[in-house]
Protein backbone atom coordinates (compact mmCIF):
# COMPACT_ATOMS: atom_id res chain seq x y z
CA UNK A 1 2.69 -10.52 18.27
CA UNK A 2 5.98 -12.55 17.85
CA UNK A 3 8.16 -13.13 14.79
CA UNK A 4 6.57 -15.54 12.38
CA UNK A 5 7.64 -18.88 11.57
CA UNK A 6 6.56 -19.80 8.13
CA UNK A 7 3.67 -22.42 7.43
CA UNK A 8 2.36 -24.09 4.46
CA UNK A 9 -0.76 -22.28 2.72
CA UNK A 10 -2.79 -23.69 -0.33
CA UNK A 11 -1.67 -20.84 -2.30
CA UNK A 12 1.51 -20.45 -4.44
CA UNK A 13 3.60 -19.64 -1.05
CA UNK A 14 4.18 -20.04 2.25
CA UNK A 15 2.12 -18.25 4.74
CA UNK A 16 4.08 -16.58 7.46
CA UNK A 17 2.54 -17.66 11.33
CA UNK A 18 2.41 -13.52 11.66
CA UNK A 19 -0.20 -13.03 8.90
CA UNK A 20 -2.26 -16.28 10.11
CA UNK A 21 -2.64 -14.36 13.34
CA UNK A 22 -3.73 -11.21 12.12
CA UNK A 23 -6.02 -12.98 9.78
CA UNK A 24 -7.67 -14.97 12.86
CA UNK A 25 -7.90 -11.32 14.51
CA UNK A 26 -9.38 -9.96 11.60
CA UNK A 27 -12.27 -12.15 11.44
CA UNK A 28 -13.13 -10.43 14.82
CA UNK A 29 -12.28 -7.31 14.47
CA UNK A 30 -15.26 -4.29 13.94
CA UNK A 31 -15.55 -4.55 10.13
CA UNK A 32 -16.59 -7.97 10.20
CA UNK A 33 -18.61 -7.81 12.97
CA UNK A 34 -20.67 -4.40 12.95
CA UNK A 35 -19.33 -3.09 9.48
CA UNK A 36 -17.70 0.61 9.05
CA UNK A 37 -19.37 3.99 7.82
CA UNK A 38 -16.35 4.26 5.79
CA UNK A 39 -15.51 2.31 2.89
CA UNK A 40 -12.01 1.21 1.40
CA UNK A 41 -11.56 0.38 -1.96
CA UNK A 42 -8.58 -0.29 -3.84
CA UNK A 43 -7.92 -0.77 -7.93
CA UNK A 44 -6.52 -3.94 -8.82
CA UNK A 45 -4.11 -3.77 -11.72
CA UNK A 46 -4.13 -7.58 -13.34
CA UNK A 47 -5.74 -10.75 -12.72
CA UNK A 48 -4.86 -14.36 -14.15
CA UNK A 49 -1.67 -16.58 -14.31
CA UNK A 50 0.50 -15.47 -11.39
CA UNK A 51 3.40 -13.71 -12.91
CA UNK A 52 6.62 -15.52 -11.95
CA UNK A 53 5.21 -18.95 -13.79
CA UNK A 54 4.29 -16.89 -16.62
CA UNK A 55 7.66 -15.79 -16.85
CA UNK A 56 8.94 -19.42 -16.66
CA UNK A 57 6.30 -20.92 -19.07
CA UNK A 58 7.31 -18.44 -21.87
CA UNK A 59 10.91 -18.95 -21.29
CA UNK A 60 10.41 -22.71 -22.20
CA UNK A 61 9.35 -21.34 -25.79
CA UNK A 62 10.44 -19.33 -28.84
CA UNK A 63 6.77 -20.39 -30.38
CA UNK A 64 5.30 -16.45 -30.62
CA UNK A 65 1.70 -18.27 -30.70
CA UNK A 66 2.16 -19.98 -27.91
CA UNK A 67 3.63 -16.85 -26.22
CA UNK A 68 1.01 -14.71 -26.88
CA UNK A 69 -1.25 -17.22 -25.79
CA UNK A 70 0.30 -17.50 -22.46
CA UNK A 71 0.53 -13.76 -22.33
CA UNK A 72 -3.27 -13.76 -22.38
CA UNK A 73 -4.02 -15.70 -19.51
CA UNK A 74 -2.85 -12.35 -17.20
CA UNK A 75 -5.65 -9.82 -18.24
CA UNK A 76 -5.17 -6.11 -17.58
CA UNK A 77 -8.34 -4.43 -15.29
CA UNK A 78 -7.59 -1.29 -13.99
CA UNK A 79 -4.38 -0.54 -15.47
CA UNK A 80 -2.04 1.86 -14.40
CA UNK A 81 -3.30 4.99 -11.98
CA UNK A 82 -0.33 7.12 -12.40
CA UNK A 83 1.93 8.75 -14.96
CA UNK A 84 4.82 10.24 -12.67
CA UNK A 85 8.16 8.88 -12.91
CA UNK A 86 7.52 7.25 -15.96
CA UNK A 87 4.89 4.70 -14.59
CA UNK A 88 3.04 3.06 -16.66
CA UNK A 89 3.19 0.43 -19.91
CA UNK A 90 6.53 0.53 -21.40
CA UNK A 91 5.32 0.14 -24.84
CA UNK A 92 3.73 3.71 -24.66
CA UNK A 93 5.25 7.47 -24.61
CA UNK A 94 5.21 9.46 -21.60
CA UNK A 95 2.71 11.42 -23.02
CA UNK A 96 0.54 8.05 -23.83
CA UNK A 97 1.47 7.08 -20.28
CA UNK A 98 0.04 10.30 -18.80
CA UNK A 99 -2.99 10.03 -21.31
CA UNK A 100 -3.81 6.21 -20.32
CA UNK A 101 -3.19 6.79 -16.49
CA UNK A 102 -5.68 9.95 -16.56
CA UNK A 103 -8.69 7.67 -18.70
CA UNK A 104 -7.85 4.51 -16.18
CA UNK A 105 -8.56 6.93 -13.09
CA UNK A 106 -11.74 8.52 -14.65
CA UNK A 107 -13.10 5.17 -15.41
CA UNK A 108 -12.37 3.57 -11.93
CA UNK A 109 -13.86 6.27 -10.59
CA UNK A 110 -16.77 6.30 -12.66
CA UNK A 111 -17.44 2.34 -12.39
CA UNK A 112 -17.57 3.02 -8.41
CA UNK A 113 -19.65 5.92 -8.42
CA UNK A 114 -17.17 7.97 -6.84
CA UNK A 115 -17.17 11.95 -7.81
CA UNK A 116 -14.19 12.83 -9.35
CA UNK A 117 -14.27 16.48 -8.00
CA UNK A 118 -14.79 14.78 -4.31
CA UNK A 119 -11.11 12.85 -4.59
CA UNK A 120 -8.37 14.53 -2.36
CA UNK A 121 -4.71 12.78 -3.40
CA UNK A 122 -2.32 12.60 -1.36
CA UNK A 123 1.29 13.32 -2.03
CA UNK A 124 3.60 11.53 -0.01
CA UNK A 125 6.52 13.90 1.73
CA UNK A 126 9.29 11.09 1.90
CA UNK A 127 11.60 13.26 3.91
CA UNK A 128 12.38 10.52 6.82
CA UNK A 129 14.81 13.36 8.34
CA UNK A 130 12.02 15.61 9.60
CA UNK A 131 8.78 14.99 11.63
CA UNK A 132 5.77 13.53 10.23
CA UNK A 133 3.86 15.98 7.90
CA UNK A 134 0.29 16.42 8.22
CA UNK A 135 -2.44 18.58 6.57
CA UNK A 136 -5.97 19.49 7.28
CA UNK A 137 -7.67 18.99 4.10
CA UNK A 138 -10.56 21.13 4.87
CA UNK A 139 -8.12 24.09 5.50
CA UNK A 140 -5.63 23.60 2.39
CA UNK A 141 -5.45 24.82 -1.01
CA UNK A 142 -5.04 22.60 -4.02
CA UNK A 143 -4.03 22.21 -7.85
CA UNK A 144 -4.77 19.29 -10.47
CA UNK A 145 -2.21 16.61 -10.81
CA UNK A 146 -1.73 15.02 -13.97
CA UNK A 147 -4.87 13.19 -13.87
CA UNK A 148 -6.72 16.00 -12.92
CA UNK A 149 -7.66 14.91 -9.67
CA UNK A 150 -6.95 17.96 -6.81
CA UNK A 151 -3.86 17.65 -4.70
CA UNK A 152 -2.71 19.99 -1.75
CA UNK A 153 -0.24 22.55 -2.59
CA UNK A 154 2.22 20.83 -0.30
CA UNK A 155 3.51 16.97 0.13
CA UNK A 156 2.56 15.15 3.66
CA UNK A 157 2.19 11.56 5.02
CA UNK A 158 -1.07 12.02 6.86
CA UNK A 159 -4.21 13.75 5.79
CA UNK A 160 -7.55 14.30 7.36
CA UNK A 161 -11.08 15.83 6.97
CA UNK A 162 -14.11 16.51 8.83
CA UNK A 163 -16.22 16.99 5.80
CA UNK A 164 -17.99 13.63 5.03
CA UNK A 165 -17.84 14.44 1.48
CA UNK A 166 -14.33 14.18 1.11
CA UNK A 167 -12.94 11.01 -0.82
CA UNK A 168 -9.30 10.41 0.11
CA UNK A 169 -6.92 8.93 -1.95
CA UNK A 170 -3.48 7.58 -2.15
CA UNK A 171 -1.28 5.85 -4.85
CA UNK A 172 0.62 3.23 -2.80
CA UNK A 173 2.60 0.42 -4.36
CA UNK A 174 3.61 -1.67 -1.58
CA UNK A 175 3.23 0.78 1.09
CA UNK A 176 -0.02 0.01 3.51
CA UNK A 177 -2.07 2.84 4.08
CA UNK A 178 -4.16 3.06 7.06
CA UNK A 179 -7.75 4.92 6.98
CA UNK A 180 -8.89 5.82 10.36
CA UNK A 181 -12.31 7.19 11.82
CA UNK A 182 -12.17 8.55 14.95
CA UNK A 183 -14.94 10.82 16.94
CA UNK A 184 -13.53 14.09 18.38
CA UNK A 185 -15.46 16.88 20.06
CA UNK A 186 -15.59 18.81 16.25
CA UNK A 187 -17.08 15.63 15.01
CA UNK A 188 -16.61 12.41 13.30
CA UNK A 189 -12.68 12.37 11.85
CA UNK A 190 -11.52 10.81 8.86
CA UNK A 191 -7.70 9.97 8.49
CA UNK A 192 -5.37 8.91 5.89
CA UNK A 193 -1.86 7.89 7.09
CA UNK A 194 0.65 6.79 4.43
CA UNK A 195 3.04 3.95 6.02
CA UNK A 196 6.08 3.41 3.85
CA UNK A 197 8.84 1.47 4.88
CA UNK A 198 10.94 4.04 5.98
CA UNK A 199 7.99 6.05 7.31
CA UNK A 200 7.14 2.91 9.40
CA UNK A 201 11.28 2.53 10.39
CA UNK A 202 10.91 6.25 11.48
CA UNK A 203 7.95 6.00 13.81
CA UNK A 204 5.54 7.99 12.00
CA UNK A 205 2.74 5.40 14.36
CA UNK A 206 4.26 6.70 17.33
CA UNK A 207 4.36 10.63 15.84
CA UNK A 208 0.74 9.94 14.64
CA UNK A 209 -0.49 9.44 18.20
CA UNK A 210 0.53 12.64 19.18
CA UNK A 211 -1.34 14.37 16.45
CA UNK A 212 -4.27 12.58 16.59
CA UNK A 213 -4.50 13.58 20.51
CA UNK A 214 -3.81 16.89 19.46
CA UNK A 215 -7.34 16.62 17.85
CA UNK A 216 -9.12 15.25 20.57
CA UNK A 217 -9.56 11.68 19.45
CA UNK A 218 -11.60 9.29 21.13
CA UNK A 219 -9.54 6.29 21.00
CA UNK A 220 -12.32 3.90 22.23
CA UNK A 221 -14.23 4.95 18.98
CA UNK A 222 -11.07 4.59 16.67
CA UNK A 223 -11.66 2.31 13.93
CA UNK A 224 -8.77 1.77 11.38
CA UNK A 225 -8.64 -0.07 7.68
CA UNK A 226 -5.71 -1.03 6.56
CA UNK A 227 -4.53 -1.86 3.01
CA UNK A 228 -2.41 -4.50 1.14
CA UNK A 229 0.99 -3.98 1.53
CA UNK A 230 4.46 -5.75 1.26
CA UNK A 231 5.22 -8.64 3.10
CA UNK A 232 8.98 -10.38 3.87
CA UNK A 233 8.65 -13.28 1.41
CA UNK A 234 8.38 -11.46 -1.37
CA UNK A 235 9.63 -7.75 -0.52
CA UNK A 236 13.59 -8.71 -0.47
CA UNK A 237 16.90 -6.55 -0.69
CA UNK A 238 19.84 -7.89 -1.98
CA UNK A 239 22.92 -5.94 -1.44
CA UNK A 240 20.76 -2.86 -0.95
CA UNK A 241 22.40 -0.71 2.46
CA UNK A 242 25.85 -0.80 3.83
CA UNK A 243 24.35 -0.69 7.27
CA UNK A 244 22.46 -3.24 9.65
CA UNK A 245 18.85 -1.84 9.35
CA UNK A 246 17.79 -2.97 12.47
CA UNK A 247 20.95 -1.26 14.40
CA UNK A 248 20.00 2.30 12.54
CA UNK A 249 16.39 1.90 12.99
CA UNK A 250 16.14 -0.26 16.35
CA UNK A 251 12.77 0.58 17.70
CA UNK A 252 11.00 -1.20 14.69
CA UNK A 253 10.97 -4.92 15.69
CA UNK A 254 10.32 -7.09 12.79
CA UNK A 255 9.70 -4.70 10.05
CA UNK A 256 13.35 -5.94 8.95
CA UNK A 257 13.95 -9.52 8.93
CA UNK A 258 16.07 -12.32 7.65
CA UNK A 259 19.02 -9.80 7.77
CA UNK A 260 22.64 -10.91 6.71
CA UNK A 261 25.78 -9.32 6.08
CA UNK A 262 27.52 -9.50 2.83
CA UNK A 263 29.46 -8.14 0.32
CA UNK A 264 28.42 -6.21 -2.96
CA UNK A 265 30.20 -6.28 -6.00
CA UNK A 266 32.94 -3.97 -5.18
CA UNK A 267 33.73 -5.95 -2.11
CA UNK A 268 32.25 -3.48 0.24
CA UNK A 269 30.04 -4.72 3.23
CA UNK A 270 26.29 -4.75 2.45
CA UNK A 271 23.00 -6.50 3.89
CA UNK A 272 20.41 -8.62 2.51
CA UNK A 273 16.96 -8.00 4.24
CA UNK A 274 13.41 -8.60 3.75
CA UNK A 275 10.77 -6.09 4.71
CA UNK A 276 7.42 -7.15 6.02
CA UNK A 277 5.92 -3.78 6.10
CA UNK A 278 2.36 -4.54 6.47
CA UNK A 279 2.79 -6.63 9.68
CA UNK A 280 5.11 -3.95 11.04
CA UNK A 281 2.71 -1.72 10.17
CA UNK A 282 -0.44 -3.45 12.12
CA UNK A 283 1.45 -4.26 15.13
CA UNK A 284 3.05 -0.43 15.76
CA UNK A 285 -0.57 0.87 15.32
CA UNK A 286 -2.14 -1.76 17.80
CA UNK A 287 0.70 -1.03 20.20
CA UNK A 288 1.59 3.03 19.82
CA UNK A 289 -1.96 3.71 19.63
CA UNK A 290 -2.74 1.26 22.60
CA UNK A 291 -5.80 -0.02 21.12
CA UNK A 292 -7.45 -3.76 20.76
CA UNK A 293 -7.43 -5.99 17.58
CA UNK A 294 -11.06 -5.38 17.40
CA UNK A 295 -10.56 -2.00 16.46
CA UNK A 296 -7.91 -3.14 13.56
CA UNK A 297 -8.53 -4.53 9.86
CA UNK A 298 -5.91 -5.15 7.76
CA UNK A 299 -5.90 -6.80 4.08
CA UNK A 300 -3.38 -9.16 4.48
CA UNK A 301 -2.62 -9.45 0.56
CA UNK A 302 0.84 -9.47 -0.60
CA UNK A 303 1.62 -6.36 -2.86
CA UNK A 304 5.06 -8.01 -4.01
CA UNK A 305 3.76 -11.39 -4.42
CA UNK A 306 3.92 -12.49 -7.87
CA UNK A 307 0.53 -14.06 -7.55
CA UNK A 308 -1.08 -10.45 -6.85
CA UNK A 309 -3.47 -8.42 -8.58
CA UNK A 310 -1.70 -5.33 -7.36
CA UNK A 311 1.07 -3.08 -8.33
CA UNK A 312 4.57 -3.33 -6.74
CA UNK A 313 7.46 -1.20 -7.07
CA UNK A 314 9.78 -3.82 -5.65
CA UNK A 315 8.30 -6.65 -7.82
CA UNK A 316 9.11 -4.24 -10.67
CA UNK A 317 13.13 -4.43 -10.16
CA UNK A 318 12.94 -8.33 -9.84
CA UNK A 319 14.97 -10.00 -12.59
CA UNK A 320 13.30 -13.33 -12.71
CA UNK A 321 9.67 -11.52 -13.44
CA UNK A 322 8.94 -10.29 -16.38
CA UNK A 323 5.53 -10.64 -17.60
CA UNK A 324 2.95 -7.74 -17.02
CA UNK A 325 5.45 -6.08 -14.28
CA UNK A 326 5.76 -2.88 -15.71
CA UNK A 327 6.41 0.01 -13.05
CA UNK A 328 3.08 0.90 -12.29
CA UNK A 329 0.65 2.42 -9.80
CA UNK A 330 -2.85 1.48 -7.93
CA UNK A 331 -4.92 4.22 -6.50
CA UNK A 332 -6.83 3.49 -2.93
CA UNK A 333 -9.42 5.53 -1.64
CA UNK A 334 -11.96 6.12 1.14
CA UNK A 335 -15.61 7.45 1.30
CA UNK A 336 -18.32 7.31 4.20
CA UNK A 337 -22.11 5.98 4.38
CA UNK A 338 -21.83 5.04 0.67
CA UNK A 339 -22.64 0.78 -0.47
CA UNK A 340 -18.87 -0.77 -1.18
CA UNK A 341 -18.36 -0.36 -4.63
CA UNK A 342 -16.77 -2.80 -7.30
CA UNK A 343 -12.87 -3.45 -7.64
CA UNK A 344 -13.45 -4.11 -11.13
């Protein structure tokens, strides 16, 4: 897939050609034509009127009754799933945020008939100066996080299991998660790969290929499901780095787009750019793993868009959106051989 050319969509924003192509390929993927033994489910923070529209309308009035009516046009569905780093509703204290996140996790899992004790939660390592870390969940030791979920004692951006009862989970914001199933000499393998922007830039996809080879993966049996992530149209950085990210990470075509050199408030060189992490992750997997589009399905929802129901770390820092915009986290999980649960 080449760099995209924006085209107009029926939604609130233009649809990059890049994602249009992926959507067309999705229709012919394994998930649509044959289904999957692995069901992937993600919580949704809120739904309703787009956040940018709400912000714009609220700014037009000082009438508290009108403001209240407008705010009621966006409804919290599942809410925040993590109390870390002060995530959660700003009107709550830190202790209240912890309790709120714990209750939200418990309710979401119960609604979808997921056993709380079966869940194993990834804690990303986020050390991009070292090789991709991986954990075999079947041999790991665990502790409980703030919400009571089991997490490995060590951090990693890739976890895997051969046990069908284990439910693998993560709390992404704008990072796509790759859930992978494959046949191996030891039986069916399930993998969770966390693909943060710098993880993709640091060639985690190529590194994971070597790890999967070492596990004896039959590549024809590989099936990949990618969860939503950030798109370049709304995943924007301004005066963010003193270097051109394309030069620092030259092996990742299409991850950083619309790059322009500028100066920051101190008069020093800086760069503006957009991040297309979802499309880059899709294309990296197809290329570096040398698998066919039939073997990959990606949810092309843009988590950074104001129209999205998902949480977004990037959107939290946008000054033009203030409604329903606490720094929150969703939870995404995958389980085998069950009926697909409901989002709400």
